Amino acid sequence: MLSNTPVQQCPYAPAESGAEDAATARADKAESNRGKPTLEFDRNTPYVDYVGIDTLLDLERPRTDEPAESAFIVTTQVMELLFPQVRQRWEAARDALEADDVPTALASLRSACNAQDVLNSSWGLLADMTPTQFNRFRDAFGEASGFQSYGYRKLEFVLGNKSAALIRPHKAMGGVVSELTELLERPSLYDAALRLLHRRGLPIPDAVAERDWTGEYEPSDEVERAWLEVYDDDRPGNELFLLAEGLMDVAERVTRWRHLHLMAVKRTMGGKPGSGGSNGLKWLARIAERDVFPELWSLRSTV
């Protein structure tokens, strides 16, 4: 029997129809071009408009005639573009862990590692910069310092390296302050992992699973023992073990990035004071020595 109930349209039909029309148009264009690229455009090429090439290249504005300054600016800009890519993947992993979805968290961590590898390789643009070259443009950027990067500060907050005081440099930037404050007050990626272990019955103390998220994480012997229980079952099917190693992949790349930063500074300016007011090399060395996800490192001495 035919029903009199009106047939409901699929909400995705317009998008699917549009995609089909676009695919047909591309096929028609390829056929009319006989398989060759289009060579005639009435205005900017679609590629230039889509990627914003003109705007992008206009952002490279050296303040001196030293050619090495261009590499310095481009390296910094590339890193700033990559910071959100890494952070979004870490946040996705954190949110998946809070939802007890370990497979999705693992996929996000793997994707984050790929982005981190690109980020770390960016230091190669500065690998051959000499102190003489650096000195020719260093005064031109005044007090500018990577320490002032809110993109990098967001990364550190998501990792769990938090401090309300580190929001202060951005107090004139209301939107940035709001975003950093939100990250400060939320569980970090590592907090989310520990909360998951707690829910799975591992001996994570209540005070760790429900702590003041705005405070810096303090390593715990109890947390190390919980991770040791995870490592006692290293079967490929143990998703908590896979999570531990996925977090280690992230942590290792963070440590590598910090050491590459340290070496770049040591090579170009040695032990001179930093532009942002710190003692430069000593400050970076202290940061590089701090372990991300500390118990995952310390347990390796006892497992």
C-alpha atoms as a PDB file:
ATOM      1  CA  MET A   1       0.000   0.000   0.000  1.00  0.00           C
ATOM      2  CA  LEU A   2       1.247   3.453  -0.831  1.00  0.00           C
ATOM      3  CA  SER A   3       1.564   5.793   2.114  1.00  0.00           C
ATOM      4  CA  ASN A   4       0.115   9.290   2.049  1.00  0.00           C
ATOM      5  CA  THR A   5       2.907  10.503   4.319  1.00  0.00           C
ATOM      6  CA  PRO A   6       4.966  13.175   2.539  1.00  0.00           C
ATOM      7  CA  VAL A   7       8.452  12.082   1.666  1.00  0.00           C
ATOM      8  CA  GLN A   8      11.017  14.049   3.712  1.00  0.00           C
ATOM      9  CA  GLN A   9      13.949  15.457   1.838  1.00  0.00           C
ATOM     10  CA  CYS A  10      17.373  14.394   3.056  1.00  0.00           C
ATOM     11  CA  PRO A  11      19.021  17.419   4.708  1.00  0.00           C
ATOM     12  CA  TYR A  12      22.277  16.575   2.941  1.00  0.00           C
ATOM     13  CA  ALA A  13      20.755  16.454  -0.538  1.00  0.00           C
ATOM     14  CA  PRO A  14      21.604  20.059  -1.517  1.00  0.00           C
ATOM     15  CA  ALA A  15      25.253  19.620  -0.508  1.00  0.00           C
ATOM     16  CA  GLU A  16      25.473  16.279  -2.302  1.00  0.00           C
ATOM     17  CA  SER A  17      23.845  17.775  -5.381  1.00  0.00           C
ATOM     18  CA  GLY A  18      26.266  20.691  -5.299  1.00  0.00           C
ATOM     19  CA  ALA A  19      29.234  18.350  -5.002  1.00  0.00           C
ATOM     20  CA  GLU A  20      27.985  16.308  -7.938  1.00  0.00           C
ATOM     21  CA  ASP A  21      27.529  19.457 -10.035  1.00  0.00           C
ATOM     22  CA  ALA A  22      31.064  20.599  -9.180  1.00  0.00           C
ATOM     23  CA  ALA A  23      32.504  17.197 -10.050  1.00  0.00           C
ATOM     24  CA  THR A  24      30.659  17.244 -13.375  1.00  0.00           C
ATOM     25  CA  ALA A  25      31.956  20.752 -14.098  1.00  0.00           C
ATOM     26  CA  ARG A  26      35.526  19.654 -13.427  1.00  0.00           C
ATOM     27  CA  ALA A  27      35.134  16.660 -15.705  1.00  0.00           C
ATOM     28  CA  ASP A  28      33.688  18.864 -18.458  1.00  0.00           C
ATOM     29  CA  LYS A  29      36.537  21.360 -18.063  1.00  0.00           C
ATOM     30  CA  ALA A  30      39.168  18.601 -18.272  1.00  0.00           C
ATOM     31  CA  GLU A  31      37.512  17.275 -21.417  1.00  0.00           C
ATOM     32  CA  SER A  32      37.311  20.706 -23.068  1.00  0.00           C
ATOM     33  CA  ASN A  33      40.945  21.366 -22.128  1.00  0.00           C
ATOM     34  CA  ARG A  34      41.906  17.981 -23.575  1.00  0.00           C
ATOM     35  CA  GLY A  35      43.529  17.095 -20.287  1.00  0.00           C
ATOM     36  CA  LYS A  36      45.748  20.192 -20.087  1.00  0.00           C
ATOM     37  CA  PRO A  37      45.668  22.873 -17.311  1.00  0.00           C
ATOM     38  CA  THR A  38      43.630  26.030 -17.853  1.00  0.00           C
ATOM     39  CA  LEU A  39      45.950  28.863 -18.948  1.00  0.00           C
ATOM     40  CA  GLU A  40      43.591  31.826 -19.287  1.00  0.00           C
ATOM     41  CA  PHE A  41      41.996  33.734 -16.371  1.00  0.00           C
ATOM     42  CA  ASP A  42      40.311  37.144 -16.365  1.00  0.00           C
ATOM     43  CA  ARG A  43      41.626  38.026 -12.893  1.00  0.00           C
ATOM     44  CA  ASN A  44      43.791  36.507 -10.152  1.00  0.00           C
ATOM     45  CA  THR A  45      44.164  32.767 -10.473  1.00  0.00           C
ATOM     46  CA  PRO A  46      41.807  30.818  -8.170  1.00  0.00           C
ATOM     47  CA  TYR A  47      44.893  29.443  -6.401  1.00  0.00           C
ATOM     48  CA  VAL A  48      46.125  32.919  -5.444  1.00  0.00           C
ATOM     49  CA  ASP A  49      42.710  33.889  -4.110  1.00  0.00           C
ATOM     50  CA  TYR A  50      42.063  30.652  -2.225  1.00  0.00           C
ATOM     51  CA  VAL A  51      45.426  30.531  -0.431  1.00  0.00           C
ATOM     52  CA  GLY A  52      45.747  34.305  -0.064  1.00  0.00           C
ATOM     53  CA  ILE A  53      49.206  34.297  -1.638  1.00  0.00           C
ATOM     54  CA  ASP A  54      49.445  38.064  -2.135  1.00  0.00           C
ATOM     55  CA  THR A  55      48.474  38.721   1.491  1.00  0.00           C
ATOM     56  CA  LEU A  56      50.784  35.990   2.731  1.00  0.00           C
ATOM     57  CA  LEU A  57      53.850  37.277   0.910  1.00  0.00           C
ATOM     58  CA  ASP A  58      53.096  40.846   1.932  1.00  0.00           C
ATOM     59  CA  LEU A  59      53.441  39.799   5.587  1.00  0.00           C
ATOM     60  CA  GLU A  60      57.176  39.227   5.191  1.00  0.00           C
ATOM     61  CA  ARG A  61      58.465  42.709   6.053  1.00  0.00           C
ATOM     62  CA  PRO A  62      62.145  42.761   7.022  1.00  0.00           C
ATOM     63  CA  ARG A  63      63.348  45.902   8.797  1.00  0.00           C
ATOM     64  CA  THR A  64      66.960  45.668   7.651  1.00  0.00           C
ATOM     65  CA  ASP A  65      68.914  44.780   4.534  1.00  0.00           C
ATOM     66  CA  GLU A  66      70.314  41.599   6.105  1.00  0.00           C
ATOM     67  CA  PRO A  67      69.088  38.631   3.969  1.00  0.00           C
ATOM     68  CA  ALA A  68      69.037  36.304   7.005  1.00  0.00           C
ATOM     69  CA  GLU A  69      66.269  38.384   8.561  1.00  0.00           C
ATOM     70  CA  SER A  70      63.873  37.093   5.920  1.00  0.00           C
ATOM     71  CA  ALA A  71      64.551  33.473   6.944  1.00  0.00           C
ATOM     72  CA  PHE A  72      64.061  34.441  10.589  1.00  0.00           C
ATOM     73  CA  ILE A  73      60.674  36.057   9.895  1.00  0.00           C
ATOM     74  CA  VAL A  74      59.444  33.231   7.663  1.00  0.00           C
ATOM     75  CA  THR A  75      60.457  30.601  10.231  1.00  0.00           C
ATOM     76  CA  THR A  76      58.565  32.440  12.947  1.00  0.00           C
ATOM     77  CA  GLN A  77      55.494  32.884  10.763  1.00  0.00           C
ATOM     78  CA  VAL A  78      55.467  29.231   9.729  1.00  0.00           C
ATOM     79  CA  MET A  79      55.601  28.196  13.377  1.00  0.00           C
ATOM     80  CA  GLU A  80      52.747  30.526  14.286  1.00  0.00           C
ATOM     81  CA  LEU A  81      50.653  28.956  11.516  1.00  0.00           C
ATOM     82  CA  LEU A  82      51.491  25.473  12.761  1.00  0.00           C
ATOM     83  CA  PHE A  83      50.832  26.116  16.464  1.00  0.00           C
ATOM     84  CA  PRO A  84      47.015  26.098  15.991  1.00  0.00           C
ATOM     85  CA  GLN A  85      47.237  22.951  13.869  1.00  0.00           C
ATOM     86  CA  VAL A  86      48.980  21.119  16.694  1.00  0.00           C
ATOM     87  CA  ARG A  87      46.754  22.608  19.389  1.00  0.00           C
ATOM     88  CA  GLN A  88      43.514  21.669  17.638  1.00  0.00           C
ATOM     89  CA  ARG A  89      44.640  18.044  17.451  1.00  0.00           C
ATOM     90  CA  TRP A  90      45.627  18.008  21.123  1.00  0.00           C
ATOM     91  CA  GLU A  91      42.301  19.541  22.081  1.00  0.00           C
ATOM     92  CA  ALA A  92      40.458  16.948  20.000  1.00  0.00           C
ATOM     93  CA  ALA A  93      42.384  14.197  21.816  1.00  0.00           C
ATOM     94  CA  ARG A  94      41.619  15.777  25.191  1.00  0.00           C
ATOM     95  CA  ASP A  95      37.909  16.025  24.410  1.00  0.00           C
ATOM     96  CA  ALA A  96      37.814  12.423  23.140  1.00  0.00           C
ATOM     97  CA  LEU A  97      39.430  11.200  26.356  1.00  0.00           C
ATOM     98  CA  GLU A  98      36.878  13.092  28.405  1.00  0.00           C
ATOM     99  CA  ALA A  99      34.223  11.243  26.384  1.00  0.00           C
ATOM    100  CA  ASP A 100      35.924   7.848  26.983  1.00  0.00           C
ATOM    101  CA  ASP A 101      36.667   7.564  23.260  1.00  0.00           C
ATOM    102  CA  VAL A 102      40.248   6.306  23.260  1.00  0.00           C
ATOM    103  CA  PRO A 103      40.410   5.309  19.554  1.00  0.00           C
ATOM    104  CA  THR A 104      39.477   8.836  18.469  1.00  0.00           C
ATOM    105  CA  ALA A 105      41.983  10.269  20.937  1.00  0.00           C
ATOM    106  CA  LEU A 106      44.721   8.041  19.522  1.00  0.00           C
ATOM    107  CA  ALA A 107      43.907   9.133  15.978  1.00  0.00           C
ATOM    108  CA  SER A 108      44.135  12.792  17.042  1.00  0.00           C
ATOM    109  CA  LEU A 109      47.458  12.197  18.800  1.00  0.00           C
ATOM    110  CA  ARG A 110      48.887  10.538  15.683  1.00  0.00           C
ATOM    111  CA  SER A 111      47.745  13.466  13.579  1.00  0.00           C
ATOM    112  CA  ALA A 112      49.250  15.873  16.108  1.00  0.00           C
ATOM    113  CA  CYS A 113      52.600  14.092  15.861  1.00  0.00           C
ATOM    114  CA  ASN A 114      52.612  14.594  12.090  1.00  0.00           C
ATOM    115  CA  ALA A 115      52.019  18.312  12.590  1.00  0.00           C
ATOM    116  CA  GLN A 116      54.687  18.425  15.309  1.00  0.00           C
ATOM    117  CA  ASP A 117      57.214  16.843  12.954  1.00  0.00           C
ATOM    118  CA  VAL A 118      56.603  19.632  10.433  1.00  0.00           C
ATOM    119  CA  LEU A 119      56.847  22.203  13.226  1.00  0.00           C
ATOM    120  CA  ASN A 120      60.152  20.793  14.455  1.00  0.00           C
ATOM    121  CA  SER A 121      61.613  20.686  10.957  1.00  0.00           C
ATOM    122  CA  SER A 122      60.951  24.437  10.630  1.00  0.00           C
ATOM    123  CA  TRP A 123      64.045  25.075  12.734  1.00  0.00           C
ATOM    124  CA  GLY A 124      66.077  23.884   9.744  1.00  0.00           C
ATOM    125  CA  LEU A 125      65.520  27.256   8.069  1.00  0.00           C
ATOM    126  CA  LEU A 126      67.755  28.801  10.728  1.00  0.00           C
ATOM    127  CA  ALA A 127      70.316  25.984  10.896  1.00  0.00           C
ATOM    128  CA  ASP A 128      73.093  27.914   9.141  1.00  0.00           C
ATOM    129  CA  MET A 129      72.473  31.385  10.584  1.00  0.00           C
ATOM    130  CA  THR A 130      75.672  32.854  12.025  1.00  0.00           C
ATOM    131  CA  PRO A 131      75.870  35.206  15.024  1.00  0.00           C
ATOM    132  CA  THR A 132      77.183  37.921  12.708  1.00  0.00           C
ATOM    133  CA  GLN A 133      74.111  37.665  10.506  1.00  0.00           C
ATOM    134  CA  PHE A 134      71.802  37.636  13.519  1.00  0.00           C
ATOM    135  CA  ASN A 135      73.475  40.689  15.041  1.00  0.00           C
ATOM    136  CA  ARG A 136      72.837  42.675  11.851  1.00  0.00           C
ATOM    137  CA  PHE A 137      69.075  42.610  12.408  1.00  0.00           C
ATOM    138  CA  ARG A 138      68.594  41.732  16.068  1.00  0.00           C
ATOM    139  CA  ASP A 139      68.185  45.331  17.242  1.00  0.00           C
ATOM    140  CA  ALA A 140      65.466  45.846  14.613  1.00  0.00           C
ATOM    141  CA  PHE A 141      62.920  43.691  16.451  1.00  0.00           C
ATOM    142  CA  GLY A 142      63.497  45.339  19.842  1.00  0.00           C
ATOM    143  CA  GLU A 143      61.763  43.549  22.710  1.00  0.00           C
ATOM    144  CA  ALA A 144      59.901  41.077  20.471  1.00  0.00           C
ATOM    145  CA  SER A 145      60.329  37.538  21.800  1.00  0.00           C
ATOM    146  CA  GLY A 146      58.853  34.135  21.144  1.00  0.00           C
ATOM    147  CA  PHE A 147      57.944  34.108  24.834  1.00  0.00           C
ATOM    148  CA  GLN A 148      55.201  36.581  23.885  1.00  0.00           C
ATOM    149  CA  SER A 149      53.571  34.168  21.410  1.00  0.00           C
ATOM    150  CA  TYR A 150      50.012  33.515  22.549  1.00  0.00           C
ATOM    151  CA  GLY A 151      49.805  30.659  20.041  1.00  0.00           C
ATOM    152  CA  TYR A 152      52.648  28.887  21.802  1.00  0.00           C
ATOM    153  CA  ARG A 153      51.222  29.761  25.229  1.00  0.00           C
ATOM    154  CA  LYS A 154      47.982  28.027  24.250  1.00  0.00           C
ATOM    155  CA  LEU A 155      49.999  24.918  23.387  1.00  0.00           C
ATOM    156  CA  GLU A 156      51.665  24.915  26.777  1.00  0.00           C
ATOM    157  CA  PHE A 157      48.341  25.362  28.584  1.00  0.00           C
ATOM    158  CA  VAL A 158      46.773  22.451  26.690  1.00  0.00           C
ATOM    159  CA  LEU A 159      49.777  20.321  27.684  1.00  0.00           C
ATOM    160  CA  GLY A 160      49.284  21.323  31.328  1.00  0.00           C
ATOM    161  CA  ASN A 161      52.144  23.781  31.778  1.00  0.00           C
ATOM    162  CA  LYS A 162      49.922  26.483  33.226  1.00  0.00           C
ATOM    163  CA  SER A 163      50.419  29.759  35.046  1.00  0.00           C
ATOM    164  CA  ALA A 164      47.934  32.614  35.321  1.00  0.00           C
ATOM    165  CA  ALA A 165      50.866  35.040  35.377  1.00  0.00           C
ATOM    166  CA  LEU A 166      51.778  34.042  31.816  1.00  0.00           C
ATOM    167  CA  ILE A 167      48.518  35.545  30.569  1.00  0.00           C
ATOM    168  CA  ARG A 168      49.641  39.014  31.699  1.00  0.00           C
ATOM    169  CA  PRO A 169      51.752  39.865  28.622  1.00  0.00           C
ATOM    170  CA  HIS A 170      48.529  39.738  26.574  1.00  0.00           C
ATOM    171  CA  LYS A 171      46.329  41.866  28.882  1.00  0.00           C
ATOM    172  CA  ALA A 172      45.820  44.472  26.136  1.00  0.00           C
ATOM    173  CA  MET A 173      44.397  41.756  23.855  1.00  0.00           C
ATOM    174  CA  GLY A 174      40.985  40.966  25.329  1.00  0.00           C
ATOM    175  CA  GLY A 175      40.126  38.074  23.034  1.00  0.00           C
ATOM    176  CA  VAL A 176      43.456  36.387  23.645  1.00  0.00           C
ATOM    177  CA  VAL A 177      43.081  36.766  27.404  1.00  0.00           C
ATOM    178  CA  SER A 178      39.653  35.113  27.244  1.00  0.00           C
ATOM    179  CA  GLU A 179      40.958  32.201  25.185  1.00  0.00           C
ATOM    180  CA  LEU A 180      43.954  31.634  27.448  1.00  0.00           C
ATOM    181  CA  THR A 181      41.799  31.911  30.573  1.00  0.00           C
ATOM    182  CA  GLU A 182      39.431  29.270  29.209  1.00  0.00           C
ATOM    183  CA  LEU A 183      42.352  26.903  28.577  1.00  0.00           C
ATOM    184  CA  LEU A 184      43.767  27.692  32.019  1.00  0.00           C
ATOM    185  CA  GLU A 185      40.516  26.690  33.693  1.00  0.00           C
ATOM    186  CA  ARG A 186      39.960  23.467  31.717  1.00  0.00           C
ATOM    187  CA  PRO A 187      41.614  20.087  32.257  1.00  0.00           C
ATOM    188  CA  SER A 188      44.748  19.678  30.156  1.00  0.00           C
ATOM    189  CA  LEU A 189      45.408  16.824  27.755  1.00  0.00           C
ATOM    190  CA  TYR A 190      47.296  14.999  30.495  1.00  0.00           C
ATOM    191  CA  ASP A 191      44.575  15.727  33.059  1.00  0.00           C
ATOM    192  CA  ALA A 192      42.047  14.158  30.685  1.00  0.00           C
ATOM    193  CA  ALA A 193      44.211  11.042  30.373  1.00  0.00           C
ATOM    194  CA  LEU A 194      44.538  10.712  34.140  1.00  0.00           C
ATOM    195  CA  ARG A 195      40.797  11.219  34.598  1.00  0.00           C
ATOM    196  CA  LEU A 196      40.211   8.411  32.115  1.00  0.00           C
ATOM    197  CA  LEU A 197      42.503   6.101  34.088  1.00  0.00           C
ATOM    198  CA  HIS A 198      40.628   7.045  37.246  1.00  0.00           C
ATOM    199  CA  ARG A 199      37.295   6.142  35.654  1.00  0.00           C
ATOM    200  CA  ARG A 200      38.771   2.840  34.454  1.00  0.00           C
ATOM    201  CA  GLY A 201      39.559   1.875  38.038  1.00  0.00           C
ATOM    202  CA  LEU A 202      43.294   2.554  38.107  1.00  0.00           C
ATOM    203  CA  PRO A 203      44.695   4.068  41.343  1.00  0.00           C
ATOM    204  CA  ILE A 204      44.665   7.711  40.320  1.00  0.00           C
ATOM    205  CA  PRO A 205      43.960   9.735  43.491  1.00  0.00           C
ATOM    206  CA  ASP A 206      40.698  11.670  43.639  1.00  0.00           C
ATOM    207  CA  ALA A 207      42.731  14.803  44.332  1.00  0.00           C
ATOM    208  CA  VAL A 208      44.425  14.374  40.946  1.00  0.00           C
ATOM    209  CA  ALA A 209      41.286  13.496  38.987  1.00  0.00           C
ATOM    210  CA  GLU A 210      39.444  16.527  40.371  1.00  0.00           C
ATOM    211  CA  ARG A 211      42.051  19.159  41.087  1.00  0.00           C
ATOM    212  CA  ASP A 212      42.322  22.915  40.550  1.00  0.00           C
ATOM    213  CA  TRP A 213      42.943  22.981  36.786  1.00  0.00           C
ATOM    214  CA  THR A 214      44.448  26.476  36.937  1.00  0.00           C
ATOM    215  CA  GLY A 215      47.420  25.244  38.942  1.00  0.00           C
ATOM    216  CA  GLU A 216      50.527  23.657  37.500  1.00  0.00           C
ATOM    217  CA  TYR A 217      50.479  19.868  37.570  1.00  0.00           C
ATOM    218  CA  GLU A 218      52.630  18.285  40.283  1.00  0.00           C
ATOM    219  CA  PRO A 219      54.124  14.805  39.645  1.00  0.00           C
ATOM    220  CA  SER A 220      52.786  12.053  41.872  1.00  0.00           C
ATOM    221  CA  ASP A 221      54.121   8.654  42.948  1.00  0.00           C
ATOM    222  CA  GLU A 222      50.549   7.332  42.904  1.00  0.00           C
ATOM    223  CA  VAL A 223      50.115   8.417  39.290  1.00  0.00           C
ATOM    224  CA  GLU A 224      53.379   6.725  38.349  1.00  0.00           C
ATOM    225  CA  ARG A 225      52.165   3.496  39.959  1.00  0.00           C
ATOM    226  CA  ALA A 226      48.924   3.731  37.968  1.00  0.00           C
ATOM    227  CA  TRP A 227      50.838   4.066  34.712  1.00  0.00           C
ATOM    228  CA  LEU A 228      53.041   1.143  35.775  1.00  0.00           C
ATOM    229  CA  GLU A 229      49.909  -1.000  35.990  1.00  0.00           C
ATOM    230  CA  VAL A 230      49.089   0.061  32.439  1.00  0.00           C
ATOM    231  CA  TYR A 231      52.560  -0.948  31.251  1.00  0.00           C
ATOM    232  CA  ASP A 232      52.227  -4.344  32.929  1.00  0.00           C
ATOM    233  CA  ASP A 233      49.806  -5.203  30.123  1.00  0.00           C
ATOM    234  CA  ASP A 234      51.563  -4.201  26.913  1.00  0.00           C
ATOM    235  CA  ARG A 235      49.400  -6.264  24.571  1.00  0.00           C
ATOM    236  CA  PRO A 236      48.608  -4.459  21.294  1.00  0.00           C
ATOM    237  CA  GLY A 237      44.902  -4.594  22.218  1.00  0.00           C
ATOM    238  CA  ASN A 238      45.320  -2.685  25.483  1.00  0.00           C
ATOM    239  CA  GLU A 239      44.086   0.778  24.515  1.00  0.00           C
ATOM    240  CA  LEU A 240      45.401   2.350  27.727  1.00  0.00           C
ATOM    241  CA  PHE A 241      48.897   1.128  26.877  1.00  0.00           C
ATOM    242  CA  LEU A 242      48.484   2.526  23.353  1.00  0.00           C
ATOM    243  CA  LEU A 243      47.345   5.804  24.897  1.00  0.00           C
ATOM    244  CA  ALA A 244      50.425   5.946  27.132  1.00  0.00           C
ATOM    245  CA  GLU A 245      52.739   5.439  24.165  1.00  0.00           C
ATOM    246  CA  GLY A 246      50.731   7.919  22.069  1.00  0.00           C
ATOM    247  CA  LEU A 247      51.195  10.537  24.768  1.00  0.00           C
ATOM    248  CA  MET A 248      54.897   9.713  24.860  1.00  0.00           C
ATOM    249  CA  ASP A 249      55.135  10.312  21.119  1.00  0.00           C
ATOM    250  CA  VAL A 250      53.709  13.785  21.708  1.00  0.00           C
ATOM    251  CA  ALA A 251      55.937  14.445  24.713  1.00  0.00           C
ATOM    252  CA  GLU A 252      59.099  13.397  22.896  1.00  0.00           C
ATOM    253  CA  ARG A 253      58.366  15.813  20.055  1.00  0.00           C
ATOM    254  CA  VAL A 254      57.683  18.649  22.493  1.00  0.00           C
ATOM    255  CA  THR A 255      61.028  17.981  24.165  1.00  0.00           C
ATOM    256  CA  ARG A 256      62.735  17.864  20.781  1.00  0.00           C
ATOM    257  CA  TRP A 257      61.187  21.217  19.809  1.00  0.00           C
ATOM    258  CA  ARG A 258      62.470  22.807  23.013  1.00  0.00           C
ATOM    259  CA  HIS A 259      65.977  21.467  22.476  1.00  0.00           C
ATOM    260  CA  LEU A 260      65.990  22.647  18.853  1.00  0.00           C
ATOM    261  CA  HIS A 261      64.982  26.082  20.097  1.00  0.00           C
ATOM    262  CA  LEU A 262      67.750  25.978  22.683  1.00  0.00           C
ATOM    263  CA  MET A 263      70.345  24.979  20.087  1.00  0.00           C
ATOM    264  CA  ALA A 264      69.200  27.641  17.623  1.00  0.00           C
ATOM    265  CA  VAL A 265      69.632  30.326  20.287  1.00  0.00           C
ATOM    266  CA  LYS A 266      72.962  28.913  21.453  1.00  0.00           C
ATOM    267  CA  ARG A 267      74.295  28.900  17.900  1.00  0.00           C
ATOM    268  CA  THR A 268      73.129  32.396  16.941  1.00  0.00           C
ATOM    269  CA  MET A 269      73.570  34.408  20.152  1.00  0.00           C
ATOM    270  CA  GLY A 270      75.251  32.237  22.775  1.00  0.00           C
ATOM    271  CA  GLY A 271      74.668  33.308  26.371  1.00  0.00           C
ATOM    272  CA  LYS A 272      73.588  36.898  25.685  1.00  0.00           C
ATOM    273  CA  PRO A 273      70.419  38.186  27.398  1.00  0.00           C
ATOM    274  CA  GLY A 274      67.173  37.481  25.548  1.00  0.00           C
ATOM    275  CA  SER A 275      65.232  40.216  23.794  1.00  0.00           C
ATOM    276  CA  GLY A 276      62.174  39.637  25.972  1.00  0.00           C
ATOM    277  CA  GLY A 277      63.939  40.342  29.264  1.00  0.00           C
ATOM    278  CA  SER A 278      65.061  36.848  30.232  1.00  0.00           C
ATOM    279  CA  ASN A 279      68.609  35.580  30.611  1.00  0.00           C
ATOM    280  CA  GLY A 280      68.189  33.836  27.281  1.00  0.00           C
ATOM    281  CA  LEU A 281      70.001  30.534  27.119  1.00  0.00           C
ATOM    282  CA  LYS A 282      69.667  29.747  30.833  1.00  0.00           C
ATOM    283  CA  TRP A 283      65.914  30.340  30.700  1.00  0.00           C
ATOM    284  CA  LEU A 284      65.488  28.063  27.689  1.00  0.00           C
ATOM    285  CA  ALA A 285      67.697  25.380  29.246  1.00  0.00           C
ATOM    286  CA  ARG A 286      65.450  25.244  32.321  1.00  0.00           C
ATOM    287  CA  ILE A 287      62.374  24.916  30.121  1.00  0.00           C
ATOM    288  CA  ALA A 288      63.997  22.167  28.041  1.00  0.00           C
ATOM    289  CA  GLU A 289      64.750  20.142  31.173  1.00  0.00           C
ATOM    290  CA  ARG A 290      61.090  19.977  32.225  1.00  0.00           C
ATOM    291  CA  ASP A 291      59.361  16.762  31.254  1.00  0.00           C
ATOM    292  CA  VAL A 292      55.955  16.788  29.604  1.00  0.00           C
ATOM    293  CA  PHE A 293      53.688  14.125  31.193  1.00  0.00           C
ATOM    294  CA  PRO A 294      56.354  13.508  33.873  1.00  0.00           C
ATOM    295  CA  GLU A 295      55.280  10.105  35.223  1.00  0.00           C
ATOM    296  CA  LEU A 296      55.400   8.589  31.748  1.00  0.00           C
ATOM    297  CA  TRP A 297      59.100   9.458  31.763  1.00  0.00           C
ATOM    298  CA  SER A 298      59.940   8.602  35.375  1.00  0.00           C
ATOM    299  CA  LEU A 299      58.360   5.130  35.253  1.00  0.00           C
ATOM    300  CA  ARG A 300      60.965   4.112  32.676  1.00  0.00           C
ATOM    301  CA  SER A 301      63.515   3.958  35.459  1.00  0.00           C
ATOM    302  CA  THR A 302      61.471   1.383  37.351  1.00  0.00           C
ATOM    303  CA  VAL A 303      59.393  -0.587  34.824  1.00  0.00           C
END
